[in-house]
Protein backbone atom coordinates (compact mmCIF):
# COMPACT_ATOMS: atom_id res chain seq x y z
CA MET A 1 0.00 0.00 0.00
CA ARG A 2 1.09 3.58 -0.68
CA ARG A 3 2.21 5.66 2.35
CA TRP A 4 0.60 9.09 2.74
CA PRO A 5 2.99 12.10 3.12
CA SER A 6 3.70 13.35 6.61
CA PRO A 7 2.55 16.88 7.73
CA GLU A 8 6.10 18.27 7.20
CA GLU A 9 6.17 16.81 3.69
CA ARG A 10 2.77 18.37 2.86
CA LYS A 11 3.95 21.78 4.20
CA HIS A 12 7.08 21.60 2.10
CA TYR A 13 5.07 20.71 -1.00
CA SER A 14 2.62 23.66 -0.39
CA HIS A 15 5.51 26.13 -0.02
CA CYS A 16 6.99 25.04 -3.33
CA GLN A 17 3.62 25.50 -5.10
CA THR A 18 2.95 29.09 -3.74
CA SER A 19 6.47 30.49 -3.98
CA HIS A 20 7.31 28.90 -7.31
CA ALA A 21 10.60 27.88 -5.68
CA HIS A 22 12.59 25.14 -7.26
CA CYS A 23 12.00 22.16 -5.03
CA ALA A 24 13.17 18.62 -5.52
CA PRO A 25 10.26 16.24 -5.92
CA ILE A 26 9.31 14.23 -2.94
CA ARG A 27 10.27 10.58 -3.35
CA TYR A 28 8.58 7.73 -1.57
CA PRO A 29 11.16 4.98 -1.09
CA VAL A 30 8.81 3.04 1.14
CA LEU A 31 6.41 2.41 -1.75
CA ARG A 32 9.20 1.11 -3.99
CA ASP A 33 10.58 -1.12 -1.25
CA LEU A 34 7.12 -2.48 -0.54
CA ARG A 35 6.67 -3.49 -4.18
CA VAL A 36 10.05 -5.19 -4.30
CA HIS A 37 9.35 -6.99 -1.05
CA LEU A 38 5.94 -8.14 -2.27
CA LEU A 39 7.33 -9.48 -5.58
CA THR A 40 10.12 -11.27 -3.72
CA ARG A 41 7.68 -13.00 -1.42
CA ILE A 42 5.43 -14.08 -4.31
CA LEU A 43 8.43 -15.53 -6.17
CA ALA A 44 9.63 -17.35 -3.05
CA ALA A 45 6.18 -18.83 -2.48
CA LEU A 46 6.04 -20.08 -6.07
CA LEU A 47 9.48 -21.66 -5.81
CA PHE A 48 8.55 -23.32 -2.50
CA ALA A 49 5.36 -24.73 -3.98
CA LEU A 50 7.24 -26.17 -6.93
CA ALA A 51 9.82 -27.72 -4.62
CA VAL A 52 7.58 -29.37 -2.05
CA CYS A 53 4.33 -30.19 -3.80
CA PRO A 54 4.22 -33.79 -5.03
CA ALA A 55 3.55 -34.60 -8.64
CA ARG A 56 -0.09 -34.98 -9.46
CA ALA A 57 -1.38 -38.54 -9.37
CA LEU A 58 -2.09 -40.13 -12.70
CA PRO A 59 -5.62 -39.45 -13.97
CA GLN A 60 -8.02 -42.35 -13.52
CA SER A 61 -7.90 -43.10 -17.25
CA ASP A 62 -4.12 -43.55 -17.01
CA GLN A 63 -4.55 -45.68 -13.90
CA ASP A 64 -7.00 -47.87 -15.82
CA ALA A 65 -4.53 -48.27 -18.66
CA LEU A 66 -1.66 -49.11 -16.29
CA PHE A 67 -3.81 -51.64 -14.47
CA ALA A 68 -4.78 -53.28 -17.77
CA GLN A 69 -1.09 -53.51 -18.72
CA ALA A 70 -0.27 -55.08 -15.35
CA VAL A 71 -3.03 -57.68 -15.72
CA GLU A 72 -1.83 -58.51 -19.22
CA ALA A 73 1.73 -59.00 -17.93
CA TYR A 74 0.38 -61.25 -15.16
CA ASN A 75 -1.64 -63.31 -17.64
CA ASN A 76 1.47 -63.69 -19.81
CA ASN A 77 3.48 -64.88 -16.76
CA GLN A 78 5.70 -61.79 -16.84
CA PHE A 79 5.70 -61.54 -13.06
CA PRO A 80 8.52 -58.95 -12.59
CA SER A 81 6.86 -56.52 -15.03
CA ALA A 82 3.41 -57.17 -13.57
CA LEU A 83 4.66 -56.65 -10.01
CA SER A 84 6.31 -53.35 -10.93
CA LYS A 85 3.10 -52.04 -12.53
CA PHE A 86 0.74 -53.27 -9.82
CA GLN A 87 2.86 -51.50 -7.19
CA GLN A 88 2.18 -48.18 -8.95
CA ILE A 89 -1.60 -48.58 -8.88
CA SER A 90 -3.71 -46.36 -6.64
CA GLY A 91 -7.33 -45.34 -6.49
CA ALA A 92 -10.14 -47.61 -7.63
CA HIS A 93 -7.88 -50.53 -8.58
CA ALA A 94 -5.59 -50.42 -5.51
CA GLN A 95 -7.22 -53.30 -3.64
CA GLU A 96 -7.38 -55.53 -6.71
CA ALA A 97 -3.75 -54.73 -7.50
CA GLN A 98 -2.74 -55.77 -3.98
CA GLN A 99 -4.57 -59.06 -4.46
CA TYR A 100 -2.58 -59.74 -7.62
CA ILE A 101 0.64 -58.93 -5.75
CA ASP A 102 -0.29 -61.35 -2.96
CA LYS A 103 -1.11 -64.06 -5.52
CA MET A 104 2.27 -63.72 -7.21
CA LYS A 105 4.14 -63.83 -3.91
CA ALA A 106 2.22 -66.92 -2.75
CA TYR A 107 2.73 -68.62 -6.13
CA GLN A 108 6.46 -67.96 -6.14
CA GLU A 109 6.84 -69.16 -2.55
CA ALA A 110 4.97 -72.42 -3.27
CA MET A 111 6.95 -73.14 -6.43
CA SER A 112 10.23 -72.33 -4.73
CA LEU A 113 9.59 -74.71 -1.82
CA ALA A 114 8.47 -77.52 -4.11
CA LYS A 115 11.32 -77.10 -6.59
CA GLY A 116 13.81 -77.11 -3.73
CA ILE A 117 12.65 -80.63 -2.81
CA MET A 118 12.58 -81.84 -6.41
CA GLU A 119 16.17 -80.66 -6.94
CA ARG A 120 17.48 -82.77 -4.06
CA SER A 121 19.55 -85.85 -4.81
CA ALA A 122 17.66 -89.15 -5.06
CA ASP A 123 18.86 -90.38 -1.65
CA GLU A 124 17.52 -87.20 0.00
CA ARG A 125 14.01 -87.48 -1.44
CA ASP A 126 11.60 -89.57 0.58
CA ALA A 127 7.85 -90.07 0.34
CA SER A 128 7.02 -87.44 2.97
CA SER A 129 9.12 -84.68 1.38
CA LEU A 130 7.70 -85.49 -2.05
CA GLU A 131 4.18 -85.34 -0.60
CA TYR A 132 4.97 -81.82 0.65
CA ALA A 133 6.26 -80.88 -2.82
CA ILE A 134 3.00 -82.19 -4.29
CA GLN A 135 1.00 -80.02 -1.88
CA GLN A 136 2.99 -76.94 -2.86
CA PHE A 137 2.63 -77.60 -6.60
CA GLU A 138 -1.12 -78.02 -6.07
CA ARG A 139 -1.19 -74.75 -4.15
CA ALA A 140 0.62 -72.97 -7.01
CA ARG A 141 -1.63 -74.55 -9.64
CA LYS A 142 -4.70 -73.44 -7.70
CA ILE A 143 -3.43 -69.85 -7.76
CA LYS A 144 -2.50 -69.86 -11.46
CA PRO A 145 -2.92 -73.14 -13.41
CA ASP A 146 -0.93 -71.87 -16.39
CA GLY A 147 1.68 -70.07 -14.31
CA PRO A 148 5.43 -69.95 -14.96
CA TRP A 149 7.64 -73.01 -14.39
CA GLN A 150 4.85 -75.42 -15.52
CA PRO A 151 3.21 -76.29 -12.17
CA ALA A 152 1.02 -79.00 -13.73
CA ASP A 153 4.01 -80.78 -15.29
CA GLN A 154 6.01 -80.47 -12.09
CA LEU A 155 3.07 -81.83 -10.11
CA ALA A 156 2.84 -84.91 -12.35
CA LYS A 157 6.58 -85.44 -12.04
CA ALA A 158 6.43 -85.21 -8.23
CA ARG A 159 3.60 -87.74 -8.10
CA ASP A 160 5.54 -90.16 -10.32
CA LEU A 161 8.64 -89.84 -8.15
CA LYS A 162 6.63 -90.41 -4.99
CA ALA A 163 5.09 -93.57 -6.47
CA GLN A 164 8.55 -94.85 -7.43
CA VAL A 165 9.94 -94.14 -3.96
CA GLU A 166 7.00 -95.89 -2.28
CA GLN A 167 7.30 -98.92 -4.55
CA ALA A 168 11.04 -99.19 -3.93
CA ARG A 169 10.54 -98.78 -0.20
CA ALA A 170 7.78 -101.41 -0.15
CA LYS A 171 10.01 -103.85 -2.02
CA ILE A 172 12.90 -103.24 0.35
CA SER A 173 10.63 -103.46 3.38
CA LYS A 174 9.16 -106.78 2.24
CA ALA A 175 12.60 -108.27 1.61
CA MET A 176 13.81 -106.90 4.92
CA ASP A 177 10.85 -108.33 6.83
CA THR A 178 11.41 -111.74 5.22
CA ASP A 179 15.11 -111.67 6.06
CA PHE A 180 14.57 -110.54 9.66
CA CYS A 181 11.81 -113.10 10.18
CA THR A 182 14.06 -115.89 8.91
CA LYS A 183 16.84 -114.80 11.25
CA ALA A 184 14.41 -114.51 14.18
CA LEU A 185 13.15 -118.06 13.65
CA ALA A 186 16.69 -119.40 13.28
CA ALA A 187 17.82 -117.64 16.47
CA ALA A 188 14.80 -118.94 18.37
CA ALA A 189 15.51 -122.48 17.19
CA GLU A 190 18.98 -122.18 18.75
CA HIS A 191 17.48 -120.68 21.94
CA HIS A 192 19.03 -117.29 21.26
CA PHE A 193 15.82 -115.64 22.38
CA LYS A 194 17.12 -112.11 22.84
CA GLU A 195 18.45 -112.05 19.30
CA ALA A 196 15.17 -113.59 18.07
CA ALA A 197 13.22 -110.90 19.92
CA GLN A 198 15.30 -108.12 18.38
CA PHE A 199 14.73 -109.34 14.84
CA SER A 200 11.03 -110.19 15.26
CA CYS A 201 10.24 -106.96 17.11
CA ALA A 202 11.91 -104.95 14.34
CA VAL A 203 9.47 -106.57 11.90
CA ALA A 204 6.53 -106.06 14.27
CA ASN A 205 7.28 -102.34 14.60
CA ASP A 206 6.66 -101.87 10.87
CA ASN A 207 4.09 -104.58 10.18
CA PRO A 208 2.55 -106.16 13.30
CA GLY A 209 0.43 -108.60 11.29
CA TYR A 210 3.26 -109.89 9.11
CA SER A 211 3.24 -113.69 8.98
CA CYS A 212 6.46 -114.94 10.52
CA GLY A 213 6.65 -118.75 10.62
CA GLY A 214 2.85 -119.00 10.53
CA ASP A 215 2.36 -116.55 13.40
CA GLU A 216 1.96 -112.77 13.52
CA ALA A 217 5.20 -110.84 13.96
CA VAL A 218 3.85 -109.02 17.00
CA HIS A 219 3.14 -112.33 18.75
CA VAL A 220 6.56 -113.75 17.82
CA CYS A 221 8.11 -110.58 19.24
CA GLN A 222 6.20 -110.89 22.53
CA LEU A 223 6.95 -114.60 22.87
CA ASN A 224 10.71 -114.24 22.32
CA THR A 225 10.85 -111.20 24.60
CA GLU A 226 9.36 -113.25 27.43
CA LEU A 227 11.65 -116.22 26.73
CA ALA A 228 14.67 -113.89 26.70
CA LYS A 229 13.76 -112.64 30.18
CA MET A 230 13.62 -116.19 31.50
CA ASP A 231 16.84 -117.31 29.81
CA LYS A 232 19.63 -115.20 31.27
CA SER A 233 22.19 -117.06 29.22
CA THR A 234 21.01 -115.26 26.08
CA THR A 235 22.40 -112.01 27.40
CA GLU A 236 25.91 -112.91 26.38
CA LYS A 237 24.90 -114.65 23.17
CA ALA A 238 22.95 -111.86 21.49
CA PRO A 239 24.32 -108.62 20.06
CA LYS A 240 23.21 -105.24 21.42
CA GLU A 241 21.60 -104.14 18.16
CA PRO A 242 19.52 -106.06 15.64
CA ASN A 243 22.41 -105.86 13.22
CA VAL A 244 23.29 -109.56 13.53
CA PRO A 245 26.67 -111.26 13.31
CA GLY A 246 29.50 -109.47 11.51
CA GLY A 247 30.06 -110.02 7.85
CA ASP A 248 26.38 -110.24 6.90
CA THR A 249 26.12 -107.15 4.69
CA THR A 250 22.48 -107.85 3.89
CA ALA A 251 21.59 -107.60 7.57
CA HIS A 252 23.70 -104.48 8.00
CA SER A 253 21.89 -102.85 5.06
CA ALA A 254 18.59 -103.95 6.56
CA VAL A 255 19.47 -102.20 9.84
CA LEU A 256 20.09 -98.98 7.92
CA ASP A 257 16.71 -99.41 6.28
CA LYS A 258 15.10 -99.95 9.66
CA ALA A 259 16.72 -96.76 10.87
CA LYS A 260 15.31 -94.94 7.85
CA ALA A 261 11.90 -96.43 8.55
CA ALA A 262 12.07 -95.12 12.12
CA TYR A 263 13.05 -91.71 10.75
CA ASP A 264 10.12 -91.77 8.31
CA ARG A 265 7.61 -92.45 11.08
CA ASN A 266 9.17 -89.66 13.20
CA ASP A 267 10.66 -91.97 15.82
CA PHE A 268 13.80 -89.85 15.98
CA GLU A 269 15.15 -91.41 19.19
CA ARG A 270 15.10 -94.93 17.76
CA ALA A 271 16.35 -93.71 14.39
CA ARG A 272 19.28 -91.91 16.02
CA SER A 273 20.19 -94.98 18.04
CA LEU A 274 20.14 -97.21 14.95
CA PHE A 275 22.01 -94.74 12.77
CA GLN A 276 24.75 -94.51 15.40
CA HIS A 277 25.34 -98.28 15.31
CA VAL A 278 25.41 -99.02 11.58
CA GLU A 279 28.42 -100.68 10.03
CA ALA A 280 31.24 -98.71 8.42
CA ASP A 281 29.93 -98.92 4.86
CA SER A 282 26.61 -97.39 5.95
CA LYS A 283 28.05 -94.60 8.12
CA PRO A 284 28.08 -91.84 5.43
CA ALA A 285 24.35 -92.30 4.75
CA ALA A 286 23.67 -92.57 8.48
CA ALA A 287 25.65 -89.36 9.10
CA ASP A 288 23.41 -87.48 6.65
CA PHE A 289 20.30 -88.58 8.52
CA LEU A 290 21.83 -87.76 11.89
CA ASP A 291 22.61 -84.28 10.57
CA LYS A 292 19.00 -83.89 9.39
CA ILE A 293 17.68 -84.93 12.80
CA SER A 294 20.00 -82.50 14.55
CA ARG A 295 19.14 -79.56 12.26
CA TYR A 296 15.45 -80.35 12.44
CA ASN A 297 15.42 -80.43 16.24
CA ASP A 298 17.43 -77.20 16.38
CA ALA A 299 14.98 -75.48 14.01
CA ILE A 300 11.96 -76.58 16.04
CA ALA A 301 13.58 -75.53 19.33
CA ASN A 302 14.57 -72.16 17.87
CA GLY A 303 11.06 -71.61 16.52
CA GLU A 304 9.50 -72.36 19.90
CA LYS A 305 11.90 -69.98 21.65
CA LEU A 306 11.24 -67.16 19.19
CA SER A 307 7.50 -67.78 19.47
CA ARG A 308 7.64 -67.41 23.25
CA ASN A 309 9.44 -64.07 22.73
CA ASN A 310 6.67 -62.90 20.34
CA GLN A 311 9.13 -62.80 17.43
CA TYR A 312 6.60 -64.34 15.09
CA ASP A 313 8.26 -63.57 11.76
CA GLN A 314 11.57 -65.15 12.82
CA ALA A 315 9.72 -68.05 14.44
CA ARG A 316 7.85 -68.71 11.21
CA ALA A 317 11.16 -68.77 9.32
CA ALA A 318 12.54 -71.30 11.82
CA PHE A 319 9.54 -73.61 11.47
CA LEU A 320 9.74 -73.34 7.68
CA ALA A 321 13.39 -74.40 7.94
CA ALA A 322 12.17 -77.53 9.74
CA VAL A 323 9.54 -78.04 7.01
CA ALA A 324 12.28 -77.95 4.39
CA ILE A 325 14.06 -80.80 6.18
CA LYS A 326 11.02 -82.97 6.93
CA PRO A 327 7.57 -81.54 6.11
CA ASP A 328 5.68 -84.15 8.16
CA GLY A 329 8.19 -84.17 10.99
CA PRO A 330 7.37 -84.32 14.70
CA GLY A 331 5.83 -81.19 16.14
CA ASP A 332 3.87 -80.48 12.93
CA PRO A 333 6.15 -77.69 11.65
CA GLN A 334 3.79 -76.75 8.81
CA ASN A 335 0.96 -76.03 11.22
CA ARG A 336 3.32 -74.20 13.56
CA ALA A 337 4.53 -71.98 10.70
CA SER A 338 0.91 -71.20 9.81
CA ALA A 339 0.19 -70.36 13.45
CA MET A 340 3.11 -67.92 13.48
CA GLU A 341 1.75 -66.20 10.38
CA LEU A 342 -1.63 -65.90 12.09
CA PHE A 343 -0.03 -64.38 15.20
CA LEU A 344 1.98 -62.03 12.97
CA GLY A 345 -1.20 -60.92 11.19
CA LEU A 346 -2.98 -60.28 14.51
CA ASP A 347 0.02 -58.38 15.85
CA GLN A 348 0.07 -56.14 12.78
CA PHE A 349 -3.70 -55.61 12.99
CA TYR A 350 -3.40 -54.31 16.55
CA SER A 351 -0.39 -52.19 15.52
CA GLY A 352 -2.51 -50.47 12.87
CA ASP A 353 -0.53 -51.90 9.93
CA TYR A 354 -3.65 -53.12 8.16
CA ALA A 355 -2.04 -53.67 4.75
CA SER A 356 0.52 -56.11 6.20
CA ALA A 357 -2.13 -57.74 8.38
CA ILE A 358 -4.27 -58.37 5.30
CA GLN A 359 -1.36 -59.98 3.44
CA HIS A 360 -0.52 -62.43 6.24
CA LEU A 361 -4.12 -63.26 7.08
CA GLN A 362 -4.87 -63.92 3.40
CA ASN A 363 -1.97 -66.40 3.38
CA CYS A 364 -3.52 -68.11 6.40
CA ALA A 365 -6.90 -68.26 4.67
CA ARG A 366 -5.41 -69.75 1.51
CA SER A 367 -3.36 -72.34 3.38
CA GLY A 368 -6.46 -73.74 5.05
CA SER A 369 -4.77 -73.62 8.44
CA GLN A 370 -6.61 -74.08 11.70
CA LYS A 371 -8.86 -71.43 13.23
CA GLN A 372 -10.31 -70.36 9.88
CA PRO A 373 -13.28 -68.52 11.51
CA LEU A 374 -10.81 -66.42 13.52
CA VAL A 375 -8.69 -65.84 10.40
CA HIS A 376 -11.66 -64.63 8.35
CA PHE A 377 -12.93 -62.39 11.15
CA TYR A 378 -9.62 -60.56 11.52
CA LEU A 379 -9.08 -60.51 7.76
CA GLY A 380 -12.45 -58.80 7.36
CA ALA A 381 -11.72 -56.50 10.31
CA SER A 382 -8.36 -55.50 8.79
CA LYS A 383 -9.95 -54.70 5.43
CA LEU A 384 -12.78 -52.75 7.03
CA ALA A 385 -10.36 -50.81 9.25
CA ARG A 386 -8.26 -49.95 6.21
CA PHE A 387 -11.43 -48.87 4.39
CA PHE A 388 -12.29 -46.50 7.24
CA VAL A 389 -8.82 -44.98 7.67
CA THR A 390 -8.43 -44.34 3.92
CA GLY A 391 -11.56 -42.23 3.85
CA SER A 392 -14.01 -44.89 2.66
CA GLU A 393 -12.83 -44.39 -0.93
CA ASP A 394 -12.70 -48.00 -2.12
CA PRO A 395 -16.10 -49.76 -2.12
CA THR A 396 -14.48 -53.00 -3.34
CA LEU A 397 -12.39 -53.14 -0.17
CA ARG A 398 -15.55 -52.81 1.93
CA GLU A 399 -17.29 -55.61 0.00
CA ASP A 400 -14.27 -57.90 0.48
CA ALA A 401 -14.31 -57.09 4.19
CA LEU A 402 -17.99 -57.94 4.51
CA ASN A 403 -17.51 -61.25 2.66
CA ASP A 404 -14.78 -62.32 5.10
CA LEU A 405 -16.82 -61.25 8.10
CA LYS A 406 -19.83 -63.19 6.77
CA GLN A 407 -17.68 -66.34 6.47
CA ALA A 408 -16.58 -65.91 10.07
CA LYS A 409 -20.14 -65.41 11.27
CA GLN A 410 -21.49 -68.38 9.30
CA ALA A 411 -18.78 -70.52 10.93
CA GLY A 412 -20.08 -69.42 14.34
CA PHE A 413 -17.25 -67.07 15.36
CA LYS A 414 -18.07 -65.15 18.57
CA THR A 415 -16.65 -61.68 19.15
CA ALA A 416 -16.81 -61.87 22.93
CA GLY A 417 -13.43 -60.90 24.35
CA GLN A 418 -12.13 -59.53 21.02
CA ASP A 419 -10.59 -56.08 21.47
CA VAL A 420 -11.86 -54.62 18.20
CA SER A 421 -13.29 -51.22 17.26
CA PRO A 422 -16.99 -50.89 18.22
CA LYS A 423 -17.60 -49.61 14.70
CA ILE A 424 -16.36 -52.90 13.23
CA LEU A 425 -18.23 -54.96 15.82
CA GLU A 426 -21.44 -53.12 14.96
CA VAL A 427 -21.00 -53.99 11.28
CA TYR A 428 -20.36 -57.62 12.23
CA LYS A 429 -23.46 -57.71 14.41
CA THR A 430 -25.70 -56.52 11.59
CA LEU A 431 -24.56 -59.19 9.09
């Protein structure tokens, strides 16, 4: 604004007008400075706005085009390109884009676990590990039947390998049972009852009803065990392990097979004992199994410890390490890993990280783990909470939330004791 002249300035100006004296014009530096200052501030504000304001989001038409490109890349199994594009999506397609991202991650995880088993050497693949590979290939095929790395072909290959392993194991087991039964009967005939009990009981552990000399193996085992107790002289005659007299390589190989059988049925204590007493030519194979047992037990123990300390992500990784060694091992590592993912999802829900909670709870829902009603309730609650905190902009997210909550309610899930927003509980009550 212009500054008015002071009284002295007005008096001076009046004197110059009446006396016709030569007076220098009055200058108003304040007005000039004010203009400069104002222009400077406007320029600074413009520069600041250009520096700090984010770029405008893509128009919805561009978002639609980018989403279509991402879906096309996904359909063509170009996962890296699809992932990059889906991660740029916002607005109306954001929830659907996240679902595609979750699908790709789950698919890649399943294929990676299964392929890791299939790439093992033949002596490291057993029926239980191949069954786990089959489950993972089926999981991947369910997500995307025509996905990369040919899940259907890999599934067929895994099933063929499992059938071959089971046939070979059955053939070995039958020959082993016949051999052990023959040795048990021969030892009993010579009154070496302890040795007879060891051989017959080894058969009975695998096949109680096996016919051994016209009688069931379990009965032969019980009979020779009782006779061995009554005949103290057999103590010095029989060996400590059912690996029979030295030099009989067939029997030594059979003991290794018995140890493997104990390992397969998760009798780790017996398996360890047998593996530790194999003959020299079987020690390398036995050492591999002993290492597996040790690493498996360490992984389970570590997972339990991390779980007790509420370190669910690390605990899940530990249980998955056990799964990689023996999927059907003692302690049910697959179920324990799923439980850790559930705890992780709940922890993130209560921390307000709804996007991460949704990802983990969706994995739990897809895996078919236990407590599915609880999983679907918190999955729906996470989606609904995210819908609310993002300004209720995505109606698809709300519909997904309601579908999960309906599944929980239909399964009979009760909200009593659940520390959840009253707003979410009210929605659940009205379903």
